[in-house]
Amino acid sequence: MPTINIHTNKKISEDTKELVKQELGKAIETIPGKSESWLMVLFDDQKDIYFKGDNQQDIAFVEVGISGHASRDNFRELGSQITHSLTQNVKIPAGNVYISYSEFDTFSWNGSLL
């Protein structure tokens, strides 16, 4: 199951969340075997985020987690699409979008270890 958790200091409207969620649902397909049908997107907006001692910049920190593994090229393309969506829809400058990636082999769902 892939997850994309977006932390930002900006307020994101419900309409914009829906649009970003749809775009990320398509973007996750850049990772082989991943699709929107198992994607969990979390929006954590209007947060105090300090970077370089300053909290006045529009900024986002995005955490991407996937079960299994992907190539650097897959993550590069996914990151490009995530950044584009946040830049176009949330109006965060591309240079202020930071993304971390995590891969995990052990995952549990529905009370069972997968």
PDB file of N, CA and C in Angstrom:
ATOM      1  N   MET A   1       0.847  -1.185   0.000  1.00  0.00           N
ATOM      2  CA  MET A   1       0.000   0.000   0.000  1.00  0.00           C
ATOM      3  C   MET A   1       0.883   1.235   0.000  1.00  0.00           C
ATOM      4  N   PRO A   2       0.731   2.089  -0.979  1.00  0.00           N
ATOM      5  CA  PRO A   2       1.479   3.345  -0.960  1.00  0.00           C
ATOM      6  C   PRO A   2       0.749   4.411  -0.136  1.00  0.00           C
ATOM      7  N   THR A   3       1.541   5.290   0.468  1.00  0.00           N
ATOM      8  CA  THR A   3       0.992   6.441   1.185  1.00  0.00           C
ATOM      9  C   THR A   3       1.726   7.696   0.744  1.00  0.00           C
ATOM     10  N   ILE A   4       1.001   8.775   0.678  1.00  0.00           N
ATOM     11  CA  ILE A   4       1.593  10.082   0.417  1.00  0.00           C
ATOM     12  C   ILE A   4       1.026  11.033   1.468  1.00  0.00           C
ATOM     13  N   ASN A   5       1.914  11.531   2.315  1.00  0.00           N
ATOM     14  CA  ASN A   5       1.527  12.407   3.415  1.00  0.00           C
ATOM     15  C   ASN A   5       2.095  13.795   3.142  1.00  0.00           C
ATOM     16  N   ILE A   6       1.219  14.766   2.978  1.00  0.00           N
ATOM     17  CA  ILE A   6       1.611  16.123   2.623  1.00  0.00           C
ATOM     18  C   ILE A   6       1.486  17.021   3.844  1.00  0.00           C
ATOM     19  N   HIS A   7       2.614  17.533   4.297  1.00  0.00           N
ATOM     20  CA  HIS A   7       2.655  18.510   5.394  1.00  0.00           C
ATOM     21  C   HIS A   7       2.938  19.876   4.764  1.00  0.00           C
ATOM     22  N   THR A   8       2.116  20.851   5.079  1.00  0.00           N
ATOM     23  CA  THR A   8       2.337  22.192   4.532  1.00  0.00           C
ATOM     24  C   THR A   8       1.826  23.247   5.509  1.00  0.00           C
ATOM     25  N   ASN A   9       2.374  24.442   5.373  1.00  0.00           N
ATOM     26  CA  ASN A   9       1.900  25.553   6.195  1.00  0.00           C
ATOM     27  C   ASN A   9       0.756  26.298   5.510  1.00  0.00           C
ATOM     28  N   LYS A  10       0.421  25.915   4.309  1.00  0.00           N
ATOM     29  CA  LYS A  10      -0.677  26.561   3.602  1.00  0.00           C
ATOM     30  C   LYS A  10      -2.011  25.882   3.911  1.00  0.00           C
ATOM     31  N   LYS A  11      -3.075  26.650   3.805  1.00  0.00           N
ATOM     32  CA  LYS A  11      -4.420  26.081   3.897  1.00  0.00           C
ATOM     33  C   LYS A  11      -4.773  25.531   2.518  1.00  0.00           C
ATOM     34  N   ILE A  12      -5.294  24.317   2.495  1.00  0.00           N
ATOM     35  CA  ILE A  12      -5.697  23.700   1.238  1.00  0.00           C
ATOM     36  C   ILE A  12      -7.209  23.499   1.270  1.00  0.00           C
ATOM     37  N   SER A  13      -7.897  24.064   0.304  1.00  0.00           N
ATOM     38  CA  SER A  13      -9.356  23.925   0.250  1.00  0.00           C
ATOM     39  C   SER A  13      -9.728  22.475  -0.061  1.00  0.00           C
ATOM     40  N   GLU A  14     -10.951  22.121   0.252  1.00  0.00           N
ATOM     41  CA  GLU A  14     -11.432  20.761  -0.031  1.00  0.00           C
ATOM     42  C   GLU A  14     -11.402  20.458  -1.525  1.00  0.00           C
ATOM     43  N   ASP A  15     -11.763  21.441  -2.353  1.00  0.00           N
ATOM     44  CA  ASP A  15     -11.718  21.236  -3.807  1.00  0.00           C
ATOM     45  C   ASP A  15     -10.291  20.976  -4.284  1.00  0.00           C
ATOM     46  N   THR A  16      -9.346  21.713  -3.735  1.00  0.00           N
ATOM     47  CA  THR A  16      -7.947  21.529  -4.115  1.00  0.00           C
ATOM     48  C   THR A  16      -7.432  20.183  -3.623  1.00  0.00           C
ATOM     49  N   LYS A  17      -7.819  19.788  -2.429  1.00  0.00           N
ATOM     50  CA  LYS A  17      -7.422  18.468  -1.927  1.00  0.00           C
ATOM     51  C   LYS A  17      -7.910  17.376  -2.871  1.00  0.00           C
ATOM     52  N   GLU A  18      -9.137  17.497  -3.322  1.00  0.00           N
ATOM     53  CA  GLU A  18      -9.697  16.507  -4.240  1.00  0.00           C
ATOM     54  C   GLU A  18      -8.900  16.462  -5.543  1.00  0.00           C
ATOM     55  N   LEU A  19      -8.564  17.612  -6.071  1.00  0.00           N
ATOM     56  CA  LEU A  19      -7.798  17.679  -7.315  1.00  0.00           C
ATOM     57  C   LEU A  19      -6.399  17.081  -7.136  1.00  0.00           C
ATOM     58  N   VAL A  20      -5.712  17.449  -6.058  1.00  0.00           N
ATOM     59  CA  VAL A  20      -4.372  16.909  -5.791  1.00  0.00           C
ATOM     60  C   VAL A  20      -4.458  15.400  -5.585  1.00  0.00           C
ATOM     61  N   LYS A  21      -5.449  14.951  -4.841  1.00  0.00           N
ATOM     62  CA  LYS A  21      -5.620  13.509  -4.603  1.00  0.00           C
ATOM     63  C   LYS A  21      -5.785  12.756  -5.920  1.00  0.00           C
ATOM     64  N   GLN A  22      -6.568  13.306  -6.834  1.00  0.00           N
ATOM     65  CA  GLN A  22      -6.767  12.676  -8.144  1.00  0.00           C
ATOM     66  C   GLN A  22      -5.464  12.617  -8.929  1.00  0.00           C
ATOM     67  N   GLU A  23      -4.717  13.702  -8.911  1.00  0.00           N
ATOM     68  CA  GLU A  23      -3.450  13.735  -9.637  1.00  0.00           C
ATOM     69  C   GLU A  23      -2.443  12.760  -9.033  1.00  0.00           C
ATOM     70  N   LEU A  24      -2.411  12.671  -7.715  1.00  0.00           N
ATOM     71  CA  LEU A  24      -1.494  11.735  -7.070  1.00  0.00           C
ATOM     72  C   LEU A  24      -1.916  10.290  -7.336  1.00  0.00           C
ATOM     73  N   GLY A  25      -3.210  10.061  -7.493  1.00  0.00           N
ATOM     74  CA  GLY A  25      -3.699   8.730  -7.839  1.00  0.00           C
ATOM     75  C   GLY A  25      -3.162   8.264  -9.182  1.00  0.00           C
ATOM     76  N   LYS A  26      -2.999   9.200 -10.106  1.00  0.00           N
ATOM     77  CA  LYS A  26      -2.399   8.874 -11.411  1.00  0.00           C
ATOM     78  C   LYS A  26      -0.880   8.774 -11.285  1.00  0.00           C
ATOM     79  N   ALA A  27      -0.294   9.681 -10.516  1.00  0.00           N
ATOM     80  CA  ALA A  27       1.164   9.730 -10.379  1.00  0.00           C
ATOM     81  C   ALA A  27       1.728   8.463  -9.744  1.00  0.00           C
ATOM     82  N   ILE A  28       1.005   7.868  -8.800  1.00  0.00           N
ATOM     83  CA  ILE A  28       1.529   6.688  -8.102  1.00  0.00           C
ATOM     84  C   ILE A  28       1.743   5.522  -9.056  1.00  0.00           C
ATOM     85  N   GLU A  29       1.077   5.557 -10.194  1.00  0.00           N
ATOM     86  CA  GLU A  29       1.237   4.494 -11.185  1.00  0.00           C
ATOM     87  C   GLU A  29       2.627   4.484 -11.812  1.00  0.00           C
ATOM     88  N   THR A  30       3.435   5.520 -11.569  1.00  0.00           N
ATOM     89  CA  THR A  30       4.819   5.500 -12.044  1.00  0.00           C
ATOM     90  C   THR A  30       5.650   4.464 -11.284  1.00  0.00           C
ATOM     91  N   ILE A  31       5.134   4.020 -10.141  1.00  0.00           N
ATOM     92  CA  ILE A  31       5.785   2.957  -9.377  1.00  0.00           C
ATOM     93  C   ILE A  31       5.156   1.639  -9.825  1.00  0.00           C
ATOM     94  N   PRO A  32       5.932   0.731 -10.385  1.00  0.00           N
ATOM     95  CA  PRO A  32       5.361  -0.530 -10.875  1.00  0.00           C
ATOM     96  C   PRO A  32       4.548  -1.257  -9.799  1.00  0.00           C
ATOM     97  N   GLY A  33       3.350  -1.678 -10.183  1.00  0.00           N
ATOM     98  CA  GLY A  33       2.484  -2.433  -9.290  1.00  0.00           C
ATOM     99  C   GLY A  33       1.656  -1.596  -8.335  1.00  0.00           C
ATOM    100  N   LYS A  34       1.786  -0.265  -8.387  1.00  0.00           N
ATOM    101  CA  LYS A  34       1.039   0.612  -7.478  1.00  0.00           C
ATOM    102  C   LYS A  34      -0.078   1.309  -8.245  1.00  0.00           C
ATOM    103  N   SER A  35      -1.196   1.531  -7.549  1.00  0.00           N
ATOM    104  CA  SER A  35      -2.326   2.210  -8.177  1.00  0.00           C
ATOM    105  C   SER A  35      -3.123   2.959  -7.117  1.00  0.00           C
ATOM    106  N   GLU A  36      -4.017   3.790  -7.583  1.00  0.00           N
ATOM    107  CA  GLU A  36      -4.850   4.577  -6.676  1.00  0.00           C
ATOM    108  C   GLU A  36      -5.745   3.682  -5.816  1.00  0.00           C
ATOM    109  N   SER A  37      -6.032   2.479  -6.291  1.00  0.00           N
ATOM    110  CA  SER A  37      -6.968   1.625  -5.556  1.00  0.00           C
ATOM    111  C   SER A  37      -6.462   1.280  -4.156  1.00  0.00           C
ATOM    112  N   TRP A  38      -5.155   1.391  -3.895  1.00  0.00           N
ATOM    113  CA  TRP A  38      -4.609   1.151  -2.557  1.00  0.00           C
ATOM    114  C   TRP A  38      -3.886   2.360  -1.993  1.00  0.00           C
ATOM    115  N   LEU A  39      -3.943   3.488  -2.676  1.00  0.00           N
ATOM    116  CA  LEU A  39      -3.217   4.692  -2.256  1.00  0.00           C
ATOM    117  C   LEU A  39      -3.935   5.397  -1.112  1.00  0.00           C
ATOM    118  N   MET A  40      -3.161   5.744  -0.086  1.00  0.00           N
ATOM    119  CA  MET A  40      -3.669   6.560   1.010  1.00  0.00           C
ATOM    120  C   MET A  40      -2.980   7.916   0.929  1.00  0.00           C
ATOM    121  N   VAL A  41      -3.766   8.995   0.808  1.00  0.00           N
ATOM    122  CA  VAL A  41      -3.234  10.357   0.754  1.00  0.00           C
ATOM    123  C   VAL A  41      -3.689  11.075   2.021  1.00  0.00           C
ATOM    124  N   LEU A  42      -2.733  11.673   2.709  1.00  0.00           N
ATOM    125  CA  LEU A  42      -3.022  12.412   3.933  1.00  0.00           C
ATOM    126  C   LEU A  42      -2.643  13.876   3.730  1.00  0.00           C
ATOM    127  N   PHE A  43      -3.523  14.776   4.119  1.00  0.00           N
ATOM    128  CA  PHE A  43      -3.259  16.209   4.042  1.00  0.00           C
ATOM    129  C   PHE A  43      -3.128  16.743   5.455  1.00  0.00           C
ATOM    130  N   ASP A  44      -1.991  17.316   5.737  1.00  0.00           N
ATOM    131  CA  ASP A  44      -1.690  17.906   7.044  1.00  0.00           C
ATOM    132  C   ASP A  44      -1.343  19.370   6.781  1.00  0.00           C
ATOM    133  N   ASP A  45      -2.391  20.195   6.591  1.00  0.00           N
ATOM    134  CA  ASP A  45      -2.163  21.581   6.194  1.00  0.00           C
ATOM    135  C   ASP A  45      -2.268  22.541   7.380  1.00  0.00           C
ATOM    136  N   GLN A  46      -1.909  23.783   7.123  1.00  0.00           N
ATOM    137  CA  GLN A  46      -1.908  24.859   8.108  1.00  0.00           C
ATOM    138  C   GLN A  46      -1.039  24.525   9.330  1.00  0.00           C
ATOM    139  N   LYS A  47       0.132  23.970   9.091  1.00  0.00           N
ATOM    140  CA  LYS A  47       1.049  23.591  10.162  1.00  0.00           C
ATOM    141  C   LYS A  47       2.173  24.604  10.272  1.00  0.00           C
ATOM    142  N   ASP A  48       2.691  24.760  11.473  1.00  0.00           N
ATOM    143  CA  ASP A  48       3.879  25.581  11.661  1.00  0.00           C
ATOM    144  C   ASP A  48       5.076  24.806  11.130  1.00  0.00           C
ATOM    145  N   ILE A  49       5.672  25.306  10.068  1.00  0.00           N
ATOM    146  CA  ILE A  49       6.850  24.676   9.489  1.00  0.00           C
ATOM    147  C   ILE A  49       7.944  25.735   9.407  1.00  0.00           C
ATOM    148  N   TYR A  50       9.015  25.478  10.105  1.00  0.00           N
ATOM    149  CA  TYR A  50      10.168  26.361  10.084  1.00  0.00           C
ATOM    150  C   TYR A  50      11.251  25.723   9.227  1.00  0.00           C
ATOM    151  N   PHE A  51      11.809  26.515   8.332  1.00  0.00           N
ATOM    152  CA  PHE A  51      12.922  26.058   7.514  1.00  0.00           C
ATOM    153  C   PHE A  51      13.956  27.170   7.493  1.00  0.00           C
ATOM    154  N   LYS A  52      15.166  26.828   7.863  1.00  0.00           N
ATOM    155  CA  LYS A  52      16.249  27.818   7.984  1.00  0.00           C
ATOM    156  C   LYS A  52      15.869  28.913   8.961  1.00  0.00           C
ATOM    157  N   GLY A  53      15.139  28.533  10.015  1.00  0.00           N
ATOM    158  CA  GLY A  53      14.758  29.477  11.054  1.00  0.00           C
ATOM    159  C   GLY A  53      13.591  30.380  10.708  1.00  0.00           C
ATOM    160  N   ASP A  54      12.976  30.152   9.577  1.00  0.00           N
ATOM    161  CA  ASP A  54      11.918  31.028   9.073  1.00  0.00           C
ATOM    162  C   ASP A  54      10.644  30.228   8.850  1.00  0.00           C
ATOM    163  N   ASN A  55       9.505  30.791   9.202  1.00  0.00           N
ATOM    164  CA  ASN A  55       8.229  30.118   8.935  1.00  0.00           C
ATOM    165  C   ASN A  55       7.332  30.945   8.024  1.00  0.00           C
ATOM    166  N   GLN A  56       7.922  31.826   7.235  1.00  0.00           N
ATOM    167  CA  GLN A  56       7.135  32.722   6.383  1.00  0.00           C
ATOM    168  C   GLN A  56       7.032  32.255   4.937  1.00  0.00           C
ATOM    169  N   GLN A  57       7.747  31.202   4.575  1.00  0.00           N
ATOM    170  CA  GLN A  57       7.713  30.713   3.203  1.00  0.00           C
ATOM    171  C   GLN A  57       6.579  29.708   3.016  1.00  0.00           C
ATOM    172  N   ASP A  58       5.947  29.720   1.862  1.00  0.00           N
ATOM    173  CA  ASP A  58       5.030  28.636   1.508  1.00  0.00           C
ATOM    174  C   ASP A  58       5.894  27.417   1.239  1.00  0.00           C
ATOM    175  N   ILE A  59       5.613  26.318   1.944  1.00  0.00           N
ATOM    176  CA  ILE A  59       6.517  25.172   1.903  1.00  0.00           C
ATOM    177  C   ILE A  59       5.737  23.879   2.113  1.00  0.00           C
ATOM    178  N   ALA A  60       6.294  22.780   1.621  1.00  0.00           N
ATOM    179  CA  ALA A  60       5.682  21.464   1.837  1.00  0.00           C
ATOM    180  C   ALA A  60       6.777  20.427   2.063  1.00  0.00           C
ATOM    181  N   PHE A  61       6.509  19.535   3.000  1.00  0.00           N
ATOM    182  CA  PHE A  61       7.339  18.352   3.207  1.00  0.00           C
ATOM    183  C   PHE A  61       6.425  17.158   2.953  1.00  0.00           C
ATOM    184  N   VAL A  62       6.804  16.325   1.993  1.00  0.00           N
ATOM    185  CA  VAL A  62       5.963  15.209   1.566  1.00  0.00           C
ATOM    186  C   VAL A  62       6.676  13.907   1.897  1.00  0.00           C
ATOM    187  N   GLU A  63       5.955  12.993   2.533  1.00  0.00           N
ATOM    188  CA  GLU A  63       6.489  11.671   2.841  1.00  0.00           C
ATOM    189  C   GLU A  63       5.776  10.652   1.955  1.00  0.00           C
ATOM    190  N   VAL A  64       6.570   9.902   1.202  1.00  0.00           N
ATOM    191  CA  VAL A  64       6.041   8.850   0.340  1.00  0.00           C
ATOM    192  C   VAL A  64       6.519   7.527   0.909  1.00  0.00           C
ATOM    193  N   GLY A  65       5.601   6.615   1.144  1.00  0.00           N
ATOM    194  CA  GLY A  65       5.954   5.286   1.618  1.00  0.00           C
ATOM    195  C   GLY A  65       5.336   4.229   0.717  1.00  0.00           C
ATOM    196  N   ILE A  66       6.132   3.221   0.398  1.00  0.00           N
ATOM    197  CA  ILE A  66       5.596   2.118  -0.412  1.00  0.00           C
ATOM    198  C   ILE A  66       6.031   0.798   0.192  1.00  0.00           C
ATOM    199  N   SER A  67       5.172  -0.203   0.074  1.00  0.00           N
ATOM    200  CA  SER A  67       5.587  -1.559   0.408  1.00  0.00           C
ATOM    201  C   SER A  67       6.313  -2.096  -0.822  1.00  0.00           C
ATOM    202  N   GLY A  68       7.463  -2.680  -0.591  1.00  0.00           N
ATOM    203  CA  GLY A  68       8.271  -3.155  -1.707  1.00  0.00           C
ATOM    204  C   GLY A  68       9.327  -2.139  -2.073  1.00  0.00           C
ATOM    205  N   HIS A  69       9.767  -2.216  -3.315  1.00  0.00           N
ATOM    206  CA  HIS A  69      10.880  -1.382  -3.746  1.00  0.00           C
ATOM    207  C   HIS A  69      10.598  -0.783  -5.116  1.00  0.00           C
ATOM    208  N   ALA A  70      11.235   0.353  -5.374  1.00  0.00           N
ATOM    209  CA  ALA A  70      11.122   1.020  -6.668  1.00  0.00           C
ATOM    210  C   ALA A  70      12.497   1.556  -7.047  1.00  0.00           C
ATOM    211  N   SER A  71      12.665   1.870  -8.303  1.00  0.00           N
ATOM    212  CA  SER A  71      13.937   2.399  -8.771  1.00  0.00           C
ATOM    213  C   SER A  71      14.033   3.904  -8.505  1.00  0.00           C
ATOM    214  N   ARG A  72      15.243   4.411  -8.558  1.00  0.00           N
ATOM    215  CA  ARG A  72      15.447   5.850  -8.418  1.00  0.00           C
ATOM    216  C   ARG A  72      14.709   6.606  -9.526  1.00  0.00           C
ATOM    217  N   ASP A  73      14.699   6.040 -10.715  1.00  0.00           N
ATOM    218  CA  ASP A  73      13.980   6.682 -11.820  1.00  0.00           C
ATOM    219  C   ASP A  73      12.488   6.753 -11.540  1.00  0.00           C
ATOM    220  N   ASN A  74      11.925   5.690 -10.952  1.00  0.00           N
ATOM    221  CA  ASN A  74      10.503   5.710 -10.589  1.00  0.00           C
ATOM    222  C   ASN A  74      10.235   6.799  -9.568  1.00  0.00           C
ATOM    223  N   PHE A  75      11.071   6.884  -8.536  1.00  0.00           N
ATOM    224  CA  PHE A  75      10.893   7.917  -7.509  1.00  0.00           C
ATOM    225  C   PHE A  75      11.123   9.314  -8.090  1.00  0.00           C
ATOM    226  N   ARG A  76      12.069   9.440  -8.994  1.00  0.00           N
ATOM    227  CA  ARG A  76      12.338  10.743  -9.628  1.00  0.00           C
ATOM    228  C   ARG A  76      11.091  11.216 -10.376  1.00  0.00           C
ATOM    229  N   GLU A  77      10.473  10.338 -11.148  1.00  0.00           N
ATOM    230  CA  GLU A  77       9.272  10.703 -11.900  1.00  0.00           C
ATOM    231  C   GLU A  77       8.106  11.004 -10.962  1.00  0.00           C
ATOM    232  N   LEU A  78       7.929  10.176  -9.941  1.00  0.00           N
ATOM    233  CA  LEU A  78       6.864  10.430  -8.964  1.00  0.00           C
ATOM    234  C   LEU A  78       7.072  11.782  -8.293  1.00  0.00           C
ATOM    235  N   GLY A  79       8.295  12.060  -7.886  1.00  0.00           N
ATOM    236  CA  GLY A  79       8.598  13.337  -7.236  1.00  0.00           C
ATOM    237  C   GLY A  79       8.314  14.517  -8.138  1.00  0.00           C
ATOM    238  N   SER A  80       8.624  14.368  -9.413  1.00  0.00           N
ATOM    239  CA  SER A  80       8.339  15.430 -10.375  1.00  0.00           C
ATOM    240  C   SER A  80       6.840  15.698 -10.462  1.00  0.00           C
ATOM    241  N   GLN A  81       6.048  14.634 -10.484  1.00  0.00           N
ATOM    242  CA  GLN A  81       4.593  14.798 -10.584  1.00  0.00           C
ATOM    243  C   GLN A  81       3.989  15.358  -9.289  1.00  0.00           C
ATOM    244  N   ILE A  82       4.505  14.924  -8.146  1.00  0.00           N
ATOM    245  CA  ILE A  82       4.032  15.471  -6.867  1.00  0.00           C
ATOM    246  C   ILE A  82       4.339  16.961  -6.807  1.00  0.00           C
ATOM    247  N   THR A  83       5.566  17.327  -7.148  1.00  0.00           N
ATOM    248  CA  THR A  83       5.968  18.732  -7.120  1.00  0.00           C
ATOM    249  C   THR A  83       5.114  19.558  -8.070  1.00  0.00           C
ATOM    250  N   HIS A  84       4.884  19.050  -9.266  1.00  0.00           N
ATOM    251  CA  HIS A  84       4.052  19.772 -10.238  1.00  0.00           C
ATOM    252  C   HIS A  84       2.644  20.009  -9.676  1.00  0.00           C
ATOM    253  N   SER A  85       2.057  18.986  -9.080  1.00  0.00           N
ATOM    254  CA  SER A  85       0.704  19.125  -8.539  1.00  0.00           C
ATOM    255  C   SER A  85       0.652  20.174  -7.435  1.00  0.00           C
ATOM    256  N   LEU A  86       1.613  20.137  -6.533  1.00  0.00           N
ATOM    257  CA  LEU A  86       1.615  21.105  -5.424  1.00  0.00           C
ATOM    258  C   LEU A  86       1.928  22.509  -5.914  1.00  0.00           C
ATOM    259  N   THR A  87       2.776  22.619  -6.923  1.00  0.00           N
ATOM    260  CA  THR A  87       3.104  23.931  -7.479  1.00  0.00           C
ATOM    261  C   THR A  87       1.897  24.535  -8.199  1.00  0.00           C
ATOM    262  N   GLN A  88       1.245  23.737  -9.014  1.00  0.00           N
ATOM    263  CA  GLN A  88       0.121  24.233  -9.802  1.00  0.00           C
ATOM    264  C   GLN A  88      -1.137  24.467  -8.964  1.00  0.00           C
ATOM    265  N   ASN A  89      -1.417  23.562  -8.052  1.00  0.00           N
ATOM    266  CA  ASN A  89      -2.707  23.603  -7.346  1.00  0.00           C
ATOM    267  C   ASN A  89      -2.660  24.287  -5.985  1.00  0.00           C
ATOM    268  N   VAL A  90      -1.563  24.133  -5.268  1.00  0.00           N
ATOM    269  CA  VAL A  90      -1.463  24.699  -3.923  1.00  0.00           C
ATOM    270  C   VAL A  90      -0.616  25.973  -3.936  1.00  0.00           C
ATOM    271  N   LYS A  91       0.049  26.217  -5.063  1.00  0.00           N
ATOM    272  CA  LYS A  91       0.864  27.422  -5.274  1.00  0.00           C
ATOM    273  C   LYS A  91       2.082  27.465  -4.351  1.00  0.00           C
ATOM    274  N   ILE A  92       2.693  26.310  -4.135  1.00  0.00           N
ATOM    275  CA  ILE A  92       3.941  26.234  -3.397  1.00  0.00           C
ATOM    276  C   ILE A  92       5.062  26.214  -4.433  1.00  0.00           C
ATOM    277  N   PRO A  93       6.050  27.101  -4.315  1.00  0.00           N
ATOM    278  CA  PRO A  93       7.149  27.096  -5.285  1.00  0.00           C
ATOM    279  C   PRO A  93       7.846  25.733  -5.318  1.00  0.00           C
ATOM    280  N   ALA A  94       8.222  25.300  -6.509  1.00  0.00           N
ATOM    281  CA  ALA A  94       8.860  23.985  -6.662  1.00  0.00           C
ATOM    282  C   ALA A  94      10.084  23.855  -5.764  1.00  0.00           C
ATOM    283  N   GLY A  95      10.832  24.931  -5.589  1.00  0.00           N
ATOM    284  CA  GLY A  95      12.016  24.904  -4.740  1.00  0.00           C
ATOM    285  C   GLY A  95      11.717  24.768  -3.264  1.00  0.00           C
ATOM    286  N   ASN A  96      10.448  24.828  -2.900  1.00  0.00           N
ATOM    287  CA  ASN A  96      10.034  24.680  -1.498  1.00  0.00           C
ATOM    288  C   ASN A  96       9.227  23.407  -1.274  1.00  0.00           C
ATOM    289  N   VAL A  97       9.334  22.455  -2.191  1.00  0.00           N
ATOM    290  CA  VAL A  97       8.693  21.150  -2.026  1.00  0.00           C
ATOM    291  C   VAL A  97       9.796  20.128  -1.780  1.00  0.00           C
ATOM    292  N   TYR A  98       9.780  19.539  -0.594  1.00  0.00           N
ATOM    293  CA  TYR A  98      10.765  18.537  -0.194  1.00  0.00           C
ATOM    294  C   TYR A  98      10.051  17.202  -0.027  1.00  0.00           C
ATOM    295  N   ILE A  99      10.651  16.139  -0.548  1.00  0.00           N
ATOM    296  CA  ILE A  99      10.008  14.824  -0.549  1.00  0.00           C
ATOM    297  C   ILE A  99      10.976  13.785  -0.007  1.00  0.00           C
ATOM    298  N   SER A 100      10.487  12.969   0.922  1.00  0.00           N
ATOM    299  CA  SER A 100      11.274  11.818   1.379  1.00  0.00           C
ATOM    300  C   SER A 100      10.560  10.543   0.948  1.00  0.00           C
ATOM    301  N   TYR A 101      11.345   9.494   0.723  1.00  0.00           N
ATOM    302  CA  TYR A 101      10.808   8.223   0.257  1.00  0.00           C
ATOM    303  C   TYR A 101      11.207   7.123   1.234  1.00  0.00           C
ATOM    304  N   SER A 102      10.260   6.245   1.530  1.00  0.00           N
ATOM    305  CA  SER A 102      10.519   5.091   2.387  1.00  0.00           C
ATOM    306  C   SER A 102       9.975   3.849   1.696  1.00  0.00           C
ATOM    307  N   GLU A 103      10.760   2.784   1.786  1.00  0.00           N
ATOM    308  CA  GLU A 103      10.338   1.481   1.279  1.00  0.00           C
ATOM    309  C   GLU A 103      10.315   0.528   2.465  1.00  0.00           C
ATOM    310  N   PHE A 104       9.286  -0.302   2.531  1.00  0.00           N
ATOM    311  CA  PHE A 104       9.220  -1.250   3.634  1.00  0.00           C
ATOM    312  C   PHE A 104       8.768  -2.610   3.129  1.00  0.00           C
ATOM    313  N   ASP A 105       9.319  -3.648   3.758  1.00  0.00           N
ATOM    314  CA  ASP A 105       8.999  -5.022   3.373  1.00  0.00           C
ATOM    315  C   ASP A 105       7.893  -5.623   4.228  1.00  0.00           C
ATOM    316  N   THR A 106       7.731  -5.112   5.444  1.00  0.00           N
ATOM    317  CA  THR A 106       6.745  -5.652   6.366  1.00  0.00           C
ATOM    318  C   THR A 106       5.576  -4.696   6.468  1.00  0.00           C
ATOM    319  N   PHE A 107       4.393  -5.220   6.247  1.00  0.00           N
ATOM    320  CA  PHE A 107       3.204  -4.379   6.242  1.00  0.00           C
ATOM    321  C   PHE A 107       2.036  -5.186   6.768  1.00  0.00           C
ATOM    322  N   SER A 108       1.165  -4.545   7.508  1.00  0.00           N
ATOM    323  CA  SER A 108       0.009  -5.215   8.062  1.00  0.00           C
ATOM    324  C   SER A 108      -1.262  -4.533   7.592  1.00  0.00           C
ATOM    325  N   TRP A 109      -2.278  -5.311   7.301  1.00  0.00           N
ATOM    326  CA  TRP A 109      -3.578  -4.786   6.895  1.00  0.00           C
ATOM    327  C   TRP A 109      -4.647  -5.769   7.371  1.00  0.00           C
ATOM    328  N   ASN A 110      -5.751  -5.238   7.842  1.00  0.00           N
ATOM    329  CA  ASN A 110      -6.886  -6.045   8.230  1.00  0.00           C
ATOM    330  C   ASN A 110      -6.518  -7.061   9.320  1.00  0.00           C
ATOM    331  N   GLY A 111      -5.576  -6.635  10.178  1.00  0.00           N
ATOM    332  CA  GLY A 111      -5.165  -7.502  11.286  1.00  0.00           C
ATOM    333  C   GLY A 111      -4.207  -8.612  10.912  1.00  0.00           C
ATOM    334  N   SER A 112      -3.770  -8.621   9.651  1.00  0.00           N
ATOM    335  CA  SER A 112      -2.872  -9.672   9.193  1.00  0.00           C
ATOM    336  C   SER A 112      -1.596  -9.080   8.628  1.00  0.00           C
ATOM    337  N   LEU A 113      -0.523  -9.777   8.837  1.00  0.00           N
ATOM    338  CA  LEU A 113       0.759  -9.391   8.256  1.00  0.00           C
ATOM    339  C   LEU A 113       0.785  -9.842   6.807  1.00  0.00           C
ATOM    340  N   LEU A 114       1.114  -8.920   5.912  1.00  0.00           N
ATOM    341  CA  LEU A 114       1.150  -9.250   4.488  1.00  0.00           C
ATOM    342  C   LEU A 114       2.551  -9.673   4.075  1.00  0.00           C
TER     343      LEU A 114
END
